[in-house]
Amino acid sequence: MKVSFALFGLWALAVFLAAIVAMMNRKD
């Protein structure tokens, strides 16, 4: 369960990273 929560947190971090990438890329 602890590993599951850690992986879920990494998933949320990856979604946040995708939002940052989207903000930096004006074309796409």
mmCIF file of all heavy atoms, coordinates in Angstrom:
data_MODEL
# 
_entry.id   MODEL 
# 
loop_
_atom_site.group_PDB 
_atom_site.id 
_atom_site.type_symbol 
_atom_site.label_atom_id 
_atom_site.label_alt_id 
_atom_site.label_comp_id 
_atom_site.label_asym_id 
_atom_site.label_entity_id 
_atom_site.label_seq_id 
_atom_site.pdbx_PDB_ins_code 
_atom_site.Cartn_x 
_atom_site.Cartn_y 
_atom_site.Cartn_z 
_atom_site.occupancy 
_atom_site.B_iso_or_equiv 
_atom_site.pdbx_formal_charge 
_atom_site.auth_seq_id 
_atom_site.auth_comp_id 
_atom_site.auth_asym_id 
_atom_site.auth_atom_id 
_atom_site.pdbx_PDB_model_num 
ATOM 1   N N   . MET A 1 1  ? 0.835  -1.204 0.000   1.00 0.00 ? 1  MET A N   1 
ATOM 2   C CA  . MET A 1 1  ? 0.000  0.000  0.000   1.00 0.00 ? 1  MET A CA  1 
ATOM 3   C C   . MET A 1 1  ? 0.872  1.257  0.000   1.00 0.00 ? 1  MET A C   1 
ATOM 4   O O   . MET A 1 1  ? 0.550  2.235  -0.681  1.00 0.00 ? 1  MET A O   1 
ATOM 5   C CB  . MET A 1 1  ? -0.936 -0.007 1.209   1.00 0.00 ? 1  MET A CB  1 
ATOM 6   C CG  . MET A 1 1  ? -1.943 1.119  1.200   1.00 0.00 ? 1  MET A CG  1 
ATOM 7   S SD  . MET A 1 1  ? -3.101 1.060  -0.170  1.00 0.00 ? 1  MET A SD  1 
ATOM 8   C CE  . MET A 1 1  ? -4.372 0.049  0.505   1.00 0.00 ? 1  MET A CE  1 
ATOM 9   N N   . LYS A 1 2  ? 1.974  1.219  0.726   1.00 0.00 ? 2  LYS A N   1 
ATOM 10  C CA  . LYS A 1 2  ? 2.888  2.364  0.725   1.00 0.00 ? 2  LYS A CA  1 
ATOM 11  C C   . LYS A 1 2  ? 3.489  2.580  -0.657  1.00 0.00 ? 2  LYS A C   1 
ATOM 12  O O   . LYS A 1 2  ? 3.600  3.721  -1.121  1.00 0.00 ? 2  LYS A O   1 
ATOM 13  C CB  . LYS A 1 2  ? 3.995  2.148  1.757   1.00 0.00 ? 2  LYS A CB  1 
ATOM 14  C CG  . LYS A 1 2  ? 3.510  2.193  3.181   1.00 0.00 ? 2  LYS A CG  1 
ATOM 15  C CD  . LYS A 1 2  ? 4.646  1.914  4.149   1.00 0.00 ? 2  LYS A CD  1 
ATOM 16  C CE  . LYS A 1 2  ? 4.148  1.854  5.575   1.00 0.00 ? 2  LYS A CE  1 
ATOM 17  N NZ  . LYS A 1 2  ? 5.205  1.537  6.528   1.00 0.00 ? 2  LYS A NZ  1 
ATOM 18  N N   . VAL A 1 3  ? 3.872  1.485  -1.307  1.00 0.00 ? 3  VAL A N   1 
ATOM 19  C CA  . VAL A 1 3  ? 4.420  1.586  -2.665  1.00 0.00 ? 3  VAL A CA  1 
ATOM 20  C C   . VAL A 1 3  ? 3.351  2.124  -3.614  1.00 0.00 ? 3  VAL A C   1 
ATOM 21  O O   . VAL A 1 3  ? 3.637  2.945  -4.495  1.00 0.00 ? 3  VAL A O   1 
ATOM 22  C CB  . VAL A 1 3  ? 4.954  0.216  -3.135  1.00 0.00 ? 3  VAL A CB  1 
ATOM 23  C CG1 . VAL A 1 3  ? 5.335  0.248  -4.603  1.00 0.00 ? 3  VAL A CG1 1 
ATOM 24  C CG2 . VAL A 1 3  ? 6.138  -0.215 -2.296  1.00 0.00 ? 3  VAL A CG2 1 
ATOM 25  N N   . SER A 1 4  ? 2.114  1.674  -3.446  1.00 0.00 ? 4  SER A N   1 
ATOM 26  C CA  . SER A 1 4  ? 1.017  2.159  -4.277  1.00 0.00 ? 4  SER A CA  1 
ATOM 27  C C   . SER A 1 4  ? 0.826  3.661  -4.128  1.00 0.00 ? 4  SER A C   1 
ATOM 28  O O   . SER A 1 4  ? 0.643  4.369  -5.120  1.00 0.00 ? 4  SER A O   1 
ATOM 29  C CB  . SER A 1 4  ? -0.270 1.430  -3.916  1.00 0.00 ? 4  SER A CB  1 
ATOM 30  O OG  . SER A 1 4  ? -1.367 1.973  -4.604  1.00 0.00 ? 4  SER A OG  1 
ATOM 31  N N   . PHE A 1 5  ? 0.852  4.151  -2.898  1.00 0.00 ? 5  PHE A N   1 
ATOM 32  C CA  . PHE A 1 5  ? 0.710  5.592  -2.677  1.00 0.00 ? 5  PHE A CA  1 
ATOM 33  C C   . PHE A 1 5  ? 1.877  6.368  -3.286  1.00 0.00 ? 5  PHE A C   1 
ATOM 34  O O   . PHE A 1 5  ? 1.689  7.449  -3.849  1.00 0.00 ? 5  PHE A O   1 
ATOM 35  C CB  . PHE A 1 5  ? 0.598  5.909  -1.188  1.00 0.00 ? 5  PHE A CB  1 
ATOM 36  C CG  . PHE A 1 5  ? -0.751 5.610  -0.609  1.00 0.00 ? 5  PHE A CG  1 
ATOM 37  C CD1 . PHE A 1 5  ? -0.872 5.056  0.652   1.00 0.00 ? 5  PHE A CD1 1 
ATOM 38  C CD2 . PHE A 1 5  ? -1.915 5.887  -1.302  1.00 0.00 ? 5  PHE A CD2 1 
ATOM 39  C CE1 . PHE A 1 5  ? -2.108 4.779  1.197   1.00 0.00 ? 5  PHE A CE1 1 
ATOM 40  C CE2 . PHE A 1 5  ? -3.165 5.613  -0.772  1.00 0.00 ? 5  PHE A CE2 1 
ATOM 41  C CZ  . PHE A 1 5  ? -3.257 5.059  0.484   1.00 0.00 ? 5  PHE A CZ  1 
ATOM 42  N N   . ALA A 1 6  ? 3.076  5.811  -3.185  1.00 0.00 ? 6  ALA A N   1 
ATOM 43  C CA  . ALA A 1 6  ? 4.245  6.473  -3.771  1.00 0.00 ? 6  ALA A CA  1 
ATOM 44  C C   . ALA A 1 6  ? 4.122  6.536  -5.297  1.00 0.00 ? 6  ALA A C   1 
ATOM 45  O O   . ALA A 1 6  ? 4.407  7.580  -5.908  1.00 0.00 ? 6  ALA A O   1 
ATOM 46  C CB  . ALA A 1 6  ? 5.522  5.743  -3.375  1.00 0.00 ? 6  ALA A CB  1 
ATOM 47  N N   . LEU A 1 7  ? 3.694  5.456  -5.913  1.00 0.00 ? 7  LEU A N   1 
ATOM 48  C CA  . LEU A 1 7  ? 3.519  5.449  -7.366  1.00 0.00 ? 7  LEU A CA  1 
ATOM 49  C C   . LEU A 1 7  ? 2.392  6.378  -7.796  1.00 0.00 ? 7  LEU A C   1 
ATOM 50  O O   . LEU A 1 7  ? 2.477  7.030  -8.844  1.00 0.00 ? 7  LEU A O   1 
ATOM 51  C CB  . LEU A 1 7  ? 3.250  4.024  -7.854  1.00 0.00 ? 7  LEU A CB  1 
ATOM 52  C CG  . LEU A 1 7  ? 4.453  3.088  -7.830  1.00 0.00 ? 7  LEU A CG  1 
ATOM 53  C CD1 . LEU A 1 7  ? 4.012  1.660  -8.062  1.00 0.00 ? 7  LEU A CD1 1 
ATOM 54  C CD2 . LEU A 1 7  ? 5.485  3.520  -8.852  1.00 0.00 ? 7  LEU A CD2 1 
ATOM 55  N N   . PHE A 1 8  ? 1.338  6.457  -6.993  1.00 0.00 ? 8  PHE A N   1 
ATOM 56  C CA  . PHE A 1 8  ? 0.250  7.385  -7.299  1.00 0.00 ? 8  PHE A CA  1 
ATOM 57  C C   . PHE A 1 8  ? 0.754  8.832  -7.218  1.00 0.00 ? 8  PHE A C   1 
ATOM 58  O O   . PHE A 1 8  ? 0.388  9.668  -8.050  1.00 0.00 ? 8  PHE A O   1 
ATOM 59  C CB  . PHE A 1 8  ? -0.923 7.170  -6.341  1.00 0.00 ? 8  PHE A CB  1 
ATOM 60  C CG  . PHE A 1 8  ? -2.151 7.930  -6.717  1.00 0.00 ? 8  PHE A CG  1 
ATOM 61  C CD1 . PHE A 1 8  ? -2.951 7.483  -7.755  1.00 0.00 ? 8  PHE A CD1 1 
ATOM 62  C CD2 . PHE A 1 8  ? -2.505 9.076  -6.048  1.00 0.00 ? 8  PHE A CD2 1 
ATOM 63  C CE1 . PHE A 1 8  ? -4.087 8.176  -8.117  1.00 0.00 ? 8  PHE A CE1 1 
ATOM 64  C CE2 . PHE A 1 8  ? -3.636 9.778  -6.395  1.00 0.00 ? 8  PHE A CE2 1 
ATOM 65  C CZ  . PHE A 1 8  ? -4.434 9.335  -7.435  1.00 0.00 ? 8  PHE A CZ  1 
ATOM 66  N N   . GLY A 1 9  ? 1.595  9.111  -6.229  1.00 0.00 ? 9  GLY A N   1 
ATOM 67  C CA  . GLY A 1 9  ? 2.190  10.440 -6.131  1.00 0.00 ? 9  GLY A CA  1 
ATOM 68  C C   . GLY A 1 9  ? 3.085  10.751 -7.318  1.00 0.00 ? 9  GLY A C   1 
ATOM 69  O O   . GLY A 1 9  ? 3.096  11.883 -7.828  1.00 0.00 ? 9  GLY A O   1 
ATOM 70  N N   . LEU A 1 10 ? 3.841  9.756  -7.783  1.00 0.00 ? 10 LEU A N   1 
ATOM 71  C CA  . LEU A 1 10 ? 4.676  9.954  -8.972  1.00 0.00 ? 10 LEU A CA  1 
ATOM 72  C C   . LEU A 1 10 ? 3.825  10.188 -10.213 1.00 0.00 ? 10 LEU A C   1 
ATOM 73  O O   . LEU A 1 10 ? 4.187  10.975 -11.094 1.00 0.00 ? 10 LEU A O   1 
ATOM 74  C CB  . LEU A 1 10 ? 5.604  8.755  -9.175  1.00 0.00 ? 10 LEU A CB  1 
ATOM 75  C CG  . LEU A 1 10 ? 6.762  8.649  -8.200  1.00 0.00 ? 10 LEU A CG  1 
ATOM 76  C CD1 . LEU A 1 10 ? 7.495  7.331  -8.391  1.00 0.00 ? 10 LEU A CD1 1 
ATOM 77  C CD2 . LEU A 1 10 ? 7.714  9.816  -8.371  1.00 0.00 ? 10 LEU A CD2 1 
ATOM 78  N N   . TRP A 1 11 ? 2.683  9.512  -10.289 1.00 0.00 ? 11 TRP A N   1 
ATOM 79  C CA  . TRP A 1 11 ? 1.765  9.752  -11.405 1.00 0.00 ? 11 TRP A CA  1 
ATOM 80  C C   . TRP A 1 11 ? 1.256  11.199 -11.369 1.00 0.00 ? 11 TRP A C   1 
ATOM 81  O O   . TRP A 1 11 ? 1.235  11.875 -12.405 1.00 0.00 ? 11 TRP A O   1 
ATOM 82  C CB  . TRP A 1 11 ? 0.590  8.775  -11.337 1.00 0.00 ? 11 TRP A CB  1 
ATOM 83  C CG  . TRP A 1 11 ? -0.495 9.081  -12.320 1.00 0.00 ? 11 TRP A CG  1 
ATOM 84  C CD1 . TRP A 1 11 ? -0.474 8.835  -13.667 1.00 0.00 ? 11 TRP A CD1 1 
ATOM 85  C CD2 . TRP A 1 11 ? -1.748 9.715  -12.047 1.00 0.00 ? 11 TRP A CD2 1 
ATOM 86  N NE1 . TRP A 1 11 ? -1.647 9.261  -14.231 1.00 0.00 ? 11 TRP A NE1 1 
ATOM 87  C CE2 . TRP A 1 11 ? -2.445 9.801  -13.270 1.00 0.00 ? 11 TRP A CE2 1 
ATOM 88  C CE3 . TRP A 1 11 ? -2.342 10.195 -10.901 1.00 0.00 ? 11 TRP A CE3 1 
ATOM 89  C CZ2 . TRP A 1 11 ? -3.719 10.356 -13.352 1.00 0.00 ? 11 TRP A CZ2 1 
ATOM 90  C CZ3 . TRP A 1 11 ? -3.599 10.749 -10.986 1.00 0.00 ? 11 TRP A CZ3 1 
ATOM 91  C CH2 . TRP A 1 11 ? -4.278 10.833 -12.204 1.00 0.00 ? 11 TRP A CH2 1 
ATOM 92  N N   . ALA A 1 12 ? 0.866  11.665 -10.205 1.00 0.00 ? 12 ALA A N   1 
ATOM 93  C CA  . ALA A 1 12 ? 0.392  13.051 -10.081 1.00 0.00 ? 12 ALA A CA  1 
ATOM 94  C C   . ALA A 1 12 ? 1.508  14.032 -10.440 1.00 0.00 ? 12 ALA A C   1 
ATOM 95  O O   . ALA A 1 12 ? 1.259  15.056 -11.087 1.00 0.00 ? 12 ALA A O   1 
ATOM 96  C CB  . ALA A 1 12 ? -0.122 13.312 -8.668  1.00 0.00 ? 12 ALA A CB  1 
ATOM 97  N N   . LEU A 1 13 ? 2.729  13.711 -10.051 1.00 0.00 ? 13 LEU A N   1 
ATOM 98  C CA  . LEU A 1 13 ? 3.874  14.548 -10.407 1.00 0.00 ? 13 LEU A CA  1 
ATOM 99  C C   . LEU A 1 13 ? 4.104  14.548 -11.913 1.00 0.00 ? 13 LEU A C   1 
ATOM 100 O O   . LEU A 1 13 ? 4.416  15.588 -12.492 1.00 0.00 ? 13 LEU A O   1 
ATOM 101 C CB  . LEU A 1 13 ? 5.121  14.063 -9.667  1.00 0.00 ? 13 LEU A CB  1 
ATOM 102 C CG  . LEU A 1 13 ? 6.370  14.909 -9.818  1.00 0.00 ? 13 LEU A CG  1 
ATOM 103 C CD1 . LEU A 1 13 ? 6.167  16.269 -9.156  1.00 0.00 ? 13 LEU A CD1 1 
ATOM 104 C CD2 . LEU A 1 13 ? 7.558  14.192 -9.208  1.00 0.00 ? 13 LEU A CD2 1 
ATOM 105 N N   . ALA A 1 14 ? 3.913  13.406 -12.560 1.00 0.00 ? 14 ALA A N   1 
ATOM 106 C CA  . ALA A 1 14 ? 4.064  13.329 -14.016 1.00 0.00 ? 14 ALA A CA  1 
ATOM 107 C C   . ALA A 1 14 ? 2.993  14.161 -14.724 1.00 0.00 ? 14 ALA A C   1 
ATOM 108 O O   . ALA A 1 14 ? 3.267  14.800 -15.746 1.00 0.00 ? 14 ALA A O   1 
ATOM 109 C CB  . ALA A 1 14 ? 4.025  11.881 -14.481 1.00 0.00 ? 14 ALA A CB  1 
ATOM 110 N N   . VAL A 1 15 ? 1.775  14.164 -14.186 1.00 0.00 ? 15 VAL A N   1 
ATOM 111 C CA  . VAL A 1 15 ? 0.717  15.003 -14.767 1.00 0.00 ? 15 VAL A CA  1 
ATOM 112 C C   . VAL A 1 15 ? 1.068  16.477 -14.587 1.00 0.00 ? 15 VAL A C   1 
ATOM 113 O O   . VAL A 1 15 ? 0.894  17.290 -15.507 1.00 0.00 ? 15 VAL A O   1 
ATOM 114 C CB  . VAL A 1 15 ? -0.652 14.672 -14.132 1.00 0.00 ? 15 VAL A CB  1 
ATOM 115 C CG1 . VAL A 1 15 ? -1.715 15.665 -14.569 1.00 0.00 ? 15 VAL A CG1 1 
ATOM 116 C CG2 . VAL A 1 15 ? -1.064 13.255 -14.474 1.00 0.00 ? 15 VAL A CG2 1 
ATOM 117 N N   . PHE A 1 16 ? 1.595  16.835 -13.431 1.00 0.00 ? 16 PHE A N   1 
ATOM 118 C CA  . PHE A 1 16 ? 2.025  18.215 -13.187 1.00 0.00 ? 16 PHE A CA  1 
ATOM 119 C C   . PHE A 1 16 ? 3.161  18.595 -14.139 1.00 0.00 ? 16 PHE A C   1 
ATOM 120 O O   . PHE A 1 16 ? 3.177  19.703 -14.689 1.00 0.00 ? 16 PHE A O   1 
ATOM 121 C CB  . PHE A 1 16 ? 2.448  18.371 -11.729 1.00 0.00 ? 16 PHE A CB  1 
ATOM 122 C CG  . PHE A 1 16 ? 2.912  19.740 -11.362 1.00 0.00 ? 16 PHE A CG  1 
ATOM 123 C CD1 . PHE A 1 16 ? 2.010  20.791 -11.273 1.00 0.00 ? 16 PHE A CD1 1 
ATOM 124 C CD2 . PHE A 1 16 ? 4.246  19.994 -11.114 1.00 0.00 ? 16 PHE A CD2 1 
ATOM 125 C CE1 . PHE A 1 16 ? 2.428  22.063 -10.939 1.00 0.00 ? 16 PHE A CE1 1 
ATOM 126 C CE2 . PHE A 1 16 ? 4.679  21.253 -10.779 1.00 0.00 ? 16 PHE A CE2 1 
ATOM 127 C CZ  . PHE A 1 16 ? 3.773  22.296 -10.690 1.00 0.00 ? 16 PHE A CZ  1 
ATOM 128 N N   . LEU A 1 17 ? 4.099  17.674 -14.347 1.00 0.00 ? 17 LEU A N   1 
ATOM 129 C CA  . LEU A 1 17 ? 5.197  17.918 -15.283 1.00 0.00 ? 17 LEU A CA  1 
ATOM 130 C C   . LEU A 1 17 ? 4.664  18.109 -16.697 1.00 0.00 ? 17 LEU A C   1 
ATOM 131 O O   . LEU A 1 17 ? 5.151  18.968 -17.442 1.00 0.00 ? 17 LEU A O   1 
ATOM 132 C CB  . LEU A 1 17 ? 6.185  16.759 -15.231 1.00 0.00 ? 17 LEU A CB  1 
ATOM 133 C CG  . LEU A 1 17 ? 7.366  16.833 -16.178 1.00 0.00 ? 17 LEU A CG  1 
ATOM 134 C CD1 . LEU A 1 17 ? 8.289  17.977 -15.765 1.00 0.00 ? 17 LEU A CD1 1 
ATOM 135 C CD2 . LEU A 1 17 ? 8.124  15.522 -16.169 1.00 0.00 ? 17 LEU A CD2 1 
ATOM 136 N N   . ALA A 1 18 ? 3.654  17.335 -17.076 1.00 0.00 ? 18 ALA A N   1 
ATOM 137 C CA  . ALA A 1 18 ? 3.043  17.499 -18.401 1.00 0.00 ? 18 ALA A CA  1 
ATOM 138 C C   . ALA A 1 18 ? 2.395  18.873 -18.537 1.00 0.00 ? 18 ALA A C   1 
ATOM 139 O O   . ALA A 1 18 ? 2.446  19.487 -19.608 1.00 0.00 ? 18 ALA A O   1 
ATOM 140 C CB  . ALA A 1 18 ? 2.019  16.401 -18.647 1.00 0.00 ? 18 ALA A CB  1 
ATOM 141 N N   . ALA A 1 19 ? 1.797  19.374 -17.457 1.00 0.00 ? 19 ALA A N   1 
ATOM 142 C CA  . ALA A 1 19 ? 1.203  20.713 -17.497 1.00 0.00 ? 19 ALA A CA  1 
ATOM 143 C C   . ALA A 1 19 ? 2.285  21.777 -17.675 1.00 0.00 ? 19 ALA A C   1 
ATOM 144 O O   . ALA A 1 19 ? 2.096  22.735 -18.433 1.00 0.00 ? 19 ALA A O   1 
ATOM 145 C CB  . ALA A 1 19 ? 0.408  20.973 -16.218 1.00 0.00 ? 19 ALA A CB  1 
ATOM 146 N N   . ILE A 1 20 ? 3.410  21.597 -17.013 1.00 0.00 ? 20 ILE A N   1 
ATOM 147 C CA  . ILE A 1 20 ? 4.513  22.553 -17.170 1.00 0.00 ? 20 ILE A CA  1 
ATOM 148 C C   . ILE A 1 20 ? 5.058  22.505 -18.589 1.00 0.00 ? 20 ILE A C   1 
ATOM 149 O O   . ILE A 1 20 ? 5.323  23.552 -19.208 1.00 0.00 ? 20 ILE A O   1 
ATOM 150 C CB  . ILE A 1 20 ? 5.618  22.264 -16.134 1.00 0.00 ? 20 ILE A CB  1 
ATOM 151 C CG1 . ILE A 1 20 ? 5.121  22.622 -14.747 1.00 0.00 ? 20 ILE A CG1 1 
ATOM 152 C CG2 . ILE A 1 20 ? 6.890  23.031 -16.453 1.00 0.00 ? 20 ILE A CG2 1 
ATOM 153 C CD1 . ILE A 1 20 ? 6.056  22.244 -13.632 1.00 0.00 ? 20 ILE A CD1 1 
ATOM 154 N N   . VAL A 1 21 ? 5.215  21.297 -19.129 1.00 0.00 ? 21 VAL A N   1 
ATOM 155 C CA  . VAL A 1 21 ? 5.688  21.157 -20.507 1.00 0.00 ? 21 VAL A CA  1 
ATOM 156 C C   . VAL A 1 21 ? 4.705  21.815 -21.469 1.00 0.00 ? 21 VAL A C   1 
ATOM 157 O O   . VAL A 1 21 ? 5.108  22.467 -22.428 1.00 0.00 ? 21 VAL A O   1 
ATOM 158 C CB  . VAL A 1 21 ? 5.891  19.654 -20.848 1.00 0.00 ? 21 VAL A CB  1 
ATOM 159 C CG1 . VAL A 1 21 ? 6.075  19.445 -22.335 1.00 0.00 ? 21 VAL A CG1 1 
ATOM 160 C CG2 . VAL A 1 21 ? 7.071  19.099 -20.087 1.00 0.00 ? 21 VAL A CG2 1 
ATOM 161 N N   . ALA A 1 22 ? 3.416  21.652 -21.223 1.00 0.00 ? 22 ALA A N   1 
ATOM 162 C CA  . ALA A 1 22 ? 2.408  22.269 -22.083 1.00 0.00 ? 22 ALA A CA  1 
ATOM 163 C C   . ALA A 1 22 ? 2.488  23.788 -22.024 1.00 0.00 ? 22 ALA A C   1 
ATOM 164 O O   . ALA A 1 22 ? 2.320  24.455 -23.046 1.00 0.00 ? 22 ALA A O   1 
ATOM 165 C CB  . ALA A 1 22 ? 1.014  21.807 -21.672 1.00 0.00 ? 22 ALA A CB  1 
ATOM 166 N N   . MET A 1 23 ? 2.767  24.346 -20.854 1.00 0.00 ? 23 MET A N   1 
ATOM 167 C CA  . MET A 1 23 ? 2.875  25.795 -20.740 1.00 0.00 ? 23 MET A CA  1 
ATOM 168 C C   . MET A 1 23 ? 4.106  26.339 -21.466 1.00 0.00 ? 23 MET A C   1 
ATOM 169 O O   . MET A 1 23 ? 4.084  27.445 -21.979 1.00 0.00 ? 23 MET A O   1 
ATOM 170 C CB  . MET A 1 23 ? 2.932  26.205 -19.273 1.00 0.00 ? 23 MET A CB  1 
ATOM 171 C CG  . MET A 1 23 ? 1.619  26.118 -18.570 1.00 0.00 ? 23 MET A CG  1 
ATOM 172 S SD  . MET A 1 23 ? 1.754  26.754 -16.905 1.00 0.00 ? 23 MET A SD  1 
ATOM 173 C CE  . MET A 1 23 ? 1.545  25.260 -15.969 1.00 0.00 ? 23 MET A CE  1 
ATOM 174 N N   . MET A 1 24 ? 5.162  25.543 -21.510 1.00 0.00 ? 24 MET A N   1 
ATOM 175 C CA  . MET A 1 24 ? 6.407  26.000 -22.132 1.00 0.00 ? 24 MET A CA  1 
ATOM 176 C C   . MET A 1 24 ? 6.383  25.854 -23.653 1.00 0.00 ? 24 MET A C   1 
ATOM 177 O O   . MET A 1 24 ? 7.105  26.568 -24.346 1.00 0.00 ? 24 MET A O   1 
ATOM 178 C CB  . MET A 1 24 ? 7.591  25.223 -21.552 1.00 0.00 ? 24 MET A CB  1 
ATOM 179 C CG  . MET A 1 24 ? 7.816  25.533 -20.084 1.00 0.00 ? 24 MET A CG  1 
ATOM 180 S SD  . MET A 1 24 ? 9.046  24.493 -19.325 1.00 0.00 ? 24 MET A SD  1 
ATOM 181 C CE  . MET A 1 24 ? 10.502 24.907 -20.228 1.00 0.00 ? 24 MET A CE  1 
ATOM 182 N N   . ASN A 1 25 ? 5.598  24.965 -24.190 1.00 0.00 ? 25 ASN A N   1 
ATOM 183 C CA  . ASN A 1 25 ? 5.551  24.721 -25.628 1.00 0.00 ? 25 ASN A CA  1 
ATOM 184 C C   . ASN A 1 25 ? 4.367  25.465 -26.227 1.00 0.00 ? 25 ASN A C   1 
ATOM 185 O O   . ASN A 1 25 ? 3.231  25.021 -26.142 1.00 0.00 ? 25 ASN A O   1 
ATOM 186 C CB  . ASN A 1 25 ? 5.439  23.216 -25.885 1.00 0.00 ? 25 ASN A CB  1 
ATOM 187 C CG  . ASN A 1 25 ? 5.575  22.871 -27.337 1.00 0.00 ? 25 ASN A CG  1 
ATOM 188 O OD1 . ASN A 1 25 ? 5.444  23.714 -28.210 1.00 0.00 ? 25 ASN A OD1 1 
ATOM 189 N ND2 . ASN A 1 25 ? 5.843  21.606 -27.600 1.00 0.00 ? 25 ASN A ND2 1 
ATOM 190 N N   . ARG A 1 26 ? 4.634  26.583 -26.856 1.00 0.00 ? 26 ARG A N   1 
ATOM 191 C CA  . ARG A 1 26 ? 3.547  27.402 -27.399 1.00 0.00 ? 26 ARG A CA  1 
ATOM 192 C C   . ARG A 1 26 ? 2.879  26.761 -28.613 1.00 0.00 ? 26 ARG A C   1 
ATOM 193 O O   . ARG A 1 26 ? 1.670  26.880 -28.789 1.00 0.00 ? 26 ARG A O   1 
ATOM 194 C CB  . ARG A 1 26 ? 4.075  28.777 -27.795 1.00 0.00 ? 26 ARG A CB  1 
ATOM 195 C CG  . ARG A 1 26 ? 4.442  29.629 -26.633 1.00 0.00 ? 26 ARG A CG  1 
ATOM 196 C CD  . ARG A 1 26 ? 4.708  31.050 -27.117 1.00 0.00 ? 26 ARG A CD  1 
ATOM 197 N NE  . ARG A 1 26 ? 5.108  31.906 -26.021 1.00 0.00 ? 26 ARG A NE  1 
ATOM 198 C CZ  . ARG A 1 26 ? 4.261  32.541 -25.240 1.00 0.00 ? 26 ARG A CZ  1 
ATOM 199 N NH1 . ARG A 1 26 ? 2.976  32.388 -25.419 1.00 0.00 ? 26 ARG A NH1 1 
ATOM 200 N NH2 . ARG A 1 26 ? 4.696  33.315 -24.279 1.00 0.00 ? 26 ARG A NH2 1 
ATOM 201 N N   . LYS A 1 27 ? 3.656  26.059 -29.424 1.00 0.00 ? 27 LYS A N   1 
ATOM 202 C CA  . LYS A 1 27 ? 3.113  25.509 -30.665 1.00 0.00 ? 27 LYS A CA  1 
ATOM 203 C C   . LYS A 1 27 ? 2.092  24.400 -30.406 1.00 0.00 ? 27 LYS A C   1 
ATOM 204 O O   . LYS A 1 27 ? 1.023  24.383 -31.010 1.00 0.00 ? 27 LYS A O   1 
ATOM 205 C CB  . LYS A 1 27 ? 4.256  24.974 -31.522 1.00 0.00 ? 27 LYS A CB  1 
ATOM 206 C CG  . LYS A 1 27 ? 3.821  24.417 -32.833 1.00 0.00 ? 27 LYS A CG  1 
ATOM 207 C CD  . LYS A 1 27 ? 4.998  23.875 -33.598 1.00 0.00 ? 27 LYS A CD  1 
ATOM 208 C CE  . LYS A 1 27 ? 4.512  23.144 -34.843 1.00 0.00 ? 27 LYS A CE  1 
ATOM 209 N NZ  . LYS A 1 27 ? 5.514  22.264 -35.367 1.00 0.00 ? 27 LYS A NZ  1 
ATOM 210 N N   . ASP A 1 28 ? 2.406  23.480 -29.539 1.00 0.00 ? 28 ASP A N   1 
ATOM 211 C CA  . ASP A 1 28 ? 1.538  22.325 -29.285 1.00 0.00 ? 28 ASP A CA  1 
ATOM 212 C C   . ASP A 1 28 ? 0.855  22.380 -27.927 1.00 0.00 ? 28 ASP A C   1 
ATOM 213 O O   . ASP A 1 28 ? 0.468  21.344 -27.387 1.00 0.00 ? 28 ASP A O   1 
ATOM 214 C CB  . ASP A 1 28 ? 2.365  21.030 -29.367 1.00 0.00 ? 28 ASP A CB  1 
ATOM 215 C CG  . ASP A 1 28 ? 2.995  20.837 -30.719 1.00 0.00 ? 28 ASP A CG  1 
ATOM 216 O OD1 . ASP A 1 28 ? 2.346  21.191 -31.722 1.00 0.00 ? 28 ASP A OD1 1 
ATOM 217 O OD2 . ASP A 1 28 ? 4.134  20.341 -30.778 1.00 0.00 ? 28 ASP A OD2 1 
# 
